[in-house]
Protein backbone atom coordinates (compact mmCIF):
# COMPACT_ATOMS: atom_id res chain seq x y z
CA MET A 1 118.00 80.80 108.79
CA ASN A 2 118.54 80.18 105.22
CA ASP A 3 115.53 81.72 103.43
CA SER A 4 115.43 78.56 100.90
CA LYS A 5 114.32 76.38 104.04
CA ILE A 6 111.38 78.83 104.73
CA THR A 7 108.08 76.44 105.31
CA PRO A 8 105.21 77.11 103.42
CA ALA A 9 103.03 78.09 106.32
CA LEU A 10 105.39 80.95 107.21
CA GLU A 11 105.31 82.16 103.61
CA ASP A 12 101.68 82.26 103.45
CA TYR A 13 101.76 84.54 106.93
CA ILE A 14 104.57 86.56 105.23
CA LYS A 15 102.69 87.12 102.01
CA ALA A 16 99.27 88.17 104.11
CA ILE A 17 101.15 90.62 105.80
CA TYR A 18 102.53 92.21 102.44
CA ILE A 19 98.95 91.82 100.87
CA LEU A 20 97.42 93.45 104.17
CA ALA A 21 100.12 96.39 104.15
CA GLU A 22 99.14 97.63 100.46
CA GLU A 23 95.37 98.68 101.81
CA ASP A 24 97.31 101.52 103.85
CA ARG A 25 95.90 100.54 107.15
CA PRO A 26 97.30 98.96 110.19
CA VAL A 27 98.30 95.41 110.29
CA ILE A 28 97.72 93.88 113.11
CA ALA A 29 97.69 90.09 114.17
CA ALA A 30 94.10 89.66 114.39
CA ARG A 31 93.87 91.03 110.82
CA VAL A 32 96.16 88.48 109.56
CA ALA A 33 94.89 85.95 111.62
CA GLU A 34 91.50 86.29 110.03
CA GLU A 35 93.25 86.52 106.45
CA ILE A 36 95.15 83.26 107.02
CA GLY A 37 92.10 81.64 108.96
CA VAL A 38 93.98 80.67 111.95
CA SER A 39 93.23 80.82 115.89
CA PRO A 40 94.72 83.81 118.05
CA SER A 41 97.06 81.51 119.58
CA THR A 42 98.16 80.13 116.50
CA MET A 43 98.82 83.33 115.17
CA PHE A 44 100.84 84.72 118.47
CA SER A 45 102.93 81.44 118.11
CA ALA A 46 103.63 82.50 114.13
CA LEU A 47 104.24 85.98 114.83
CA ARG A 48 107.10 85.08 117.54
CA ARG A 49 108.56 82.52 115.31
CA LEU A 50 109.11 85.26 112.16
CA GLU A 51 110.02 88.15 114.50
CA LYS A 52 112.86 85.85 115.76
CA GLU A 53 113.83 84.91 112.81
CA GLY A 54 114.31 88.64 111.39
CA TYR A 55 111.32 88.69 108.64
CA VAL A 56 108.73 91.11 110.79
CA ARG A 57 109.27 93.68 113.13
CA VAL A 58 106.40 94.60 115.90
CA GLU A 59 105.99 98.04 117.06
CA HIS A 60 104.74 98.86 120.52
CA ARG A 61 101.05 99.23 118.92
CA LYS A 62 101.26 95.97 117.84
CA ASN A 63 101.73 96.96 114.24
CA ILE A 64 103.51 94.47 112.23
CA HIS A 65 105.94 95.81 109.61
CA LEU A 66 107.95 93.26 107.42
CA THR A 67 111.53 93.70 107.15
CA SER A 68 113.56 94.11 104.03
CA ARG A 69 114.00 89.74 104.71
CA GLY A 70 110.49 89.73 104.96
CA LYS A 71 109.62 91.53 101.82
CA LYS A 72 111.62 89.67 99.55
CA ILE A 73 110.13 86.64 100.65
CA ALA A 74 106.70 88.15 100.00
CA GLU A 75 107.67 89.33 96.41
CA THR A 76 109.26 86.10 95.49
CA THR A 77 105.86 84.06 96.44
CA LEU A 78 103.87 86.50 94.97
CA ARG A 79 105.84 86.58 91.58
CA ARG A 80 105.73 82.70 91.71
CA HIS A 81 102.02 83.11 92.03
CA TYR A 82 101.19 85.52 89.61
CA LEU A 83 103.30 83.58 87.13
CA THR A 84 101.25 80.38 87.92
CA GLU A 85 98.04 82.07 87.22
CA ARG A 86 99.17 83.34 83.81
CA PHE A 87 100.60 80.01 82.77
CA LEU A 88 97.32 78.17 83.89
CA THR A 89 95.30 80.74 82.25
CA ASP A 90 97.41 81.80 79.12
CA LEU A 91 98.69 78.43 78.01
CA LEU A 92 96.62 75.58 79.76
CA GLY A 93 93.14 77.63 79.46
CA LEU A 94 91.91 77.48 83.05
CA ASP A 95 89.82 80.04 84.13
CA TRP A 96 90.66 82.67 86.53
CA VAL A 97 88.95 81.31 89.61
CA LYS A 98 90.46 77.74 89.07
CA ALA A 99 93.73 79.34 88.26
CA HIS A 100 94.22 81.02 91.62
CA GLN A 101 93.40 78.15 93.86
CA GLU A 102 95.99 76.29 92.00
CA ALA A 103 98.69 78.78 91.78
CA HIS A 104 98.30 78.99 95.66
CA ARG A 105 99.22 75.25 95.82
CA LEU A 106 101.96 75.37 93.60
CA GLU A 107 103.54 78.92 94.38
CA HIS A 108 105.74 77.61 97.47
CA ALA A 109 107.05 74.57 95.27
CA ILE A 110 108.77 76.56 92.08
CA SER A 111 112.32 77.06 92.21
CA THR A 112 114.22 80.11 90.76
CA GLU A 113 114.73 78.13 87.44
CA VAL A 114 111.53 77.31 87.00
CA GLU A 115 110.33 80.94 88.12
CA GLU A 116 112.66 82.27 85.29
CA LYS A 117 111.40 80.09 82.54
CA LEU A 118 108.03 80.75 83.53
CA ALA A 119 108.71 84.35 82.46
CA GLU A 120 110.32 83.63 79.57
CA ILE A 121 107.85 81.07 77.99
CA LEU A 122 105.22 83.80 79.21
CA HIS A 123 107.11 86.86 77.48
CA TYR A 124 107.73 88.31 80.79
CA PRO A 125 104.04 89.26 81.84
CA THR A 126 103.59 92.66 83.85
CA THR A 127 100.69 91.49 85.51
CA CYS A 128 98.77 88.66 86.83
CA PRO A 129 94.94 87.58 84.94
CA HIS A 130 93.34 89.74 87.62
CA GLY A 131 95.06 92.56 87.15
CA ASN A 132 97.94 92.70 89.73
CA PRO A 133 101.38 93.95 89.06
CA ILE A 134 104.14 91.37 89.15
CA PRO A 135 107.00 91.91 91.17
CA ASP A 136 110.35 91.65 89.47
CA GLU A 137 114.12 92.81 90.09
CA LYS A 138 113.53 96.36 88.66
CA SER A 139 110.34 97.00 90.14
CA PRO A 140 109.97 94.86 93.49
CA HIS A 141 107.44 96.39 95.19
CA PRO A 142 105.16 97.92 92.55
CA ARG A 143 102.21 100.27 93.62
CA ARG A 144 98.64 99.49 92.43
CA ARG A 145 97.34 102.52 91.04
CA GLY A 146 93.75 103.78 91.14
CA LEU A 147 90.73 103.81 93.34
CA PRO A 148 88.59 101.37 95.34
CA LEU A 149 85.15 100.70 93.14
CA ASP A 150 83.27 102.04 96.01
CA SER A 151 84.49 105.52 96.24
CA ILE A 152 83.39 106.60 92.57
CA SER A 153 79.98 108.32 92.59
CA ALA A 154 76.96 107.45 90.25
CA GLY A 155 77.11 108.55 86.73
CA ARG A 156 80.85 108.02 85.91
CA GLU A 157 82.77 105.92 83.82
CA VAL A 158 85.73 103.99 84.89
CA VAL A 159 88.01 101.32 83.62
CA PHE A 160 88.65 98.06 85.78
CA GLN A 161 92.22 97.80 86.92
CA CYS A 162 92.33 94.49 89.14
CA ILE A 163 90.66 92.85 92.09
CA SER A 164 92.98 92.64 95.44
CA GLU A 165 94.74 89.74 96.05
CA ILE A 166 92.54 89.50 99.08
CA GLY A 167 89.74 89.61 96.53
CA GLU A 168 91.08 86.88 94.66
CA ARG A 169 90.64 84.69 97.53
CA ASP A 170 87.00 84.84 97.16
CA ALA A 171 85.96 82.40 94.40
CA ARG A 172 82.33 83.23 94.68
CA LEU A 173 83.35 87.00 93.45
CA LEU A 174 86.18 85.84 91.13
CA GLY A 175 83.17 83.70 89.54
CA PHE A 176 80.50 86.64 89.72
CA LEU A 177 83.31 88.98 87.77
CA LEU A 178 83.94 86.06 85.24
CA GLU A 179 80.31 85.97 84.61
CA HIS A 180 79.61 89.67 83.98
CA ARG A 181 83.06 90.26 82.24
CA LEU A 182 84.33 92.67 84.77
CA LEU A 183 87.79 91.96 83.60
CA PRO A 184 90.92 94.36 83.58
CA GLY A 185 90.61 96.68 80.99
CA ALA A 186 86.64 96.61 80.77
CA THR A 187 84.86 100.09 80.81
CA VAL A 188 82.68 100.24 83.53
CA GLN A 189 79.56 102.63 83.83
CA VAL A 190 78.27 103.32 87.78
CA LEU A 191 74.81 103.80 87.40
CA ASP A 192 73.58 104.06 90.75
CA VAL A 193 75.12 103.79 94.34
CA ALA A 194 73.05 102.72 97.44
CA PRO A 195 74.84 102.77 100.68
CA SER A 196 71.42 102.34 102.72
CA LEU A 197 71.12 99.01 100.92
CA GLY A 198 74.97 97.95 100.42
CA ILE A 199 74.89 97.84 96.63
CA MET A 200 76.04 99.35 93.60
CA SER A 201 74.46 99.36 90.00
CA LEU A 202 76.97 98.75 87.21
CA LYS A 203 76.97 98.51 83.19
CA VAL A 204 79.94 96.73 81.76
CA GLY A 205 78.93 96.80 77.87
CA LYS A 206 75.30 95.90 77.78
CA ASP A 207 75.09 93.83 80.71
CA LYS A 208 73.41 95.86 83.72
CA PHE A 209 73.71 94.05 87.17
CA SER A 210 74.50 95.10 91.00
CA ILE A 211 77.52 94.59 93.02
CA GLY A 212 77.60 94.37 96.77
CA ILE A 213 79.97 97.72 97.91
CA GLU A 214 81.66 95.24 100.32
CA ALA A 215 82.83 93.61 97.29
CA ALA A 216 83.76 96.67 95.22
CA LYS A 217 86.13 97.42 97.68
CA LYS A 218 88.27 94.95 96.35
CA ILE A 219 88.21 95.83 92.91
CA ARG A 220 90.27 98.87 91.82
CA VAL A 221 89.80 101.35 88.65
CA ILE A 222 91.30 103.88 86.75
């Protein structure tokens, strides 16, 4: 199969598998189906096609792994998504909530030529607006550093690094972070952690606020 003819739907499955694998947890069909928002039967059909066409391999324990071919597709799709987000925020002035939504629609339509021009006009950015590293030829699968925010104990001060791609899909969370200026590079003080209540109390500048621990798991800090 010619990879240039791969459908946007299959690109979404491959990208989702790649993103879930970055969490260092087993990637199984149920998790991918939940991330994409499809039924188990639809996921099963897609997985069979992905495996048949050489994009994934499935272990006997049902763990899904991308092949080198699948990783290339995922990284290309992510690169185009992140560059589009940068274009929309840096040059067109969209906020990072709208930029993510628009980039998801545009990422499948961008050609290699347009991708290269975007990188050039943006002066080759290394991260998306949300802080995630942009894959390139020199570093095709960069790893995020840092720790999940929910693992930080009360009294510590950390720096916001990025919000995971999974977190980016939550428009309400993105809006909340933007409202409280919890952006890449921001210094964050962890004032209190209350597991029984499922919340953390934070301070960014003079702004004190609470965030759900489940949401904090989608944020990485250094």
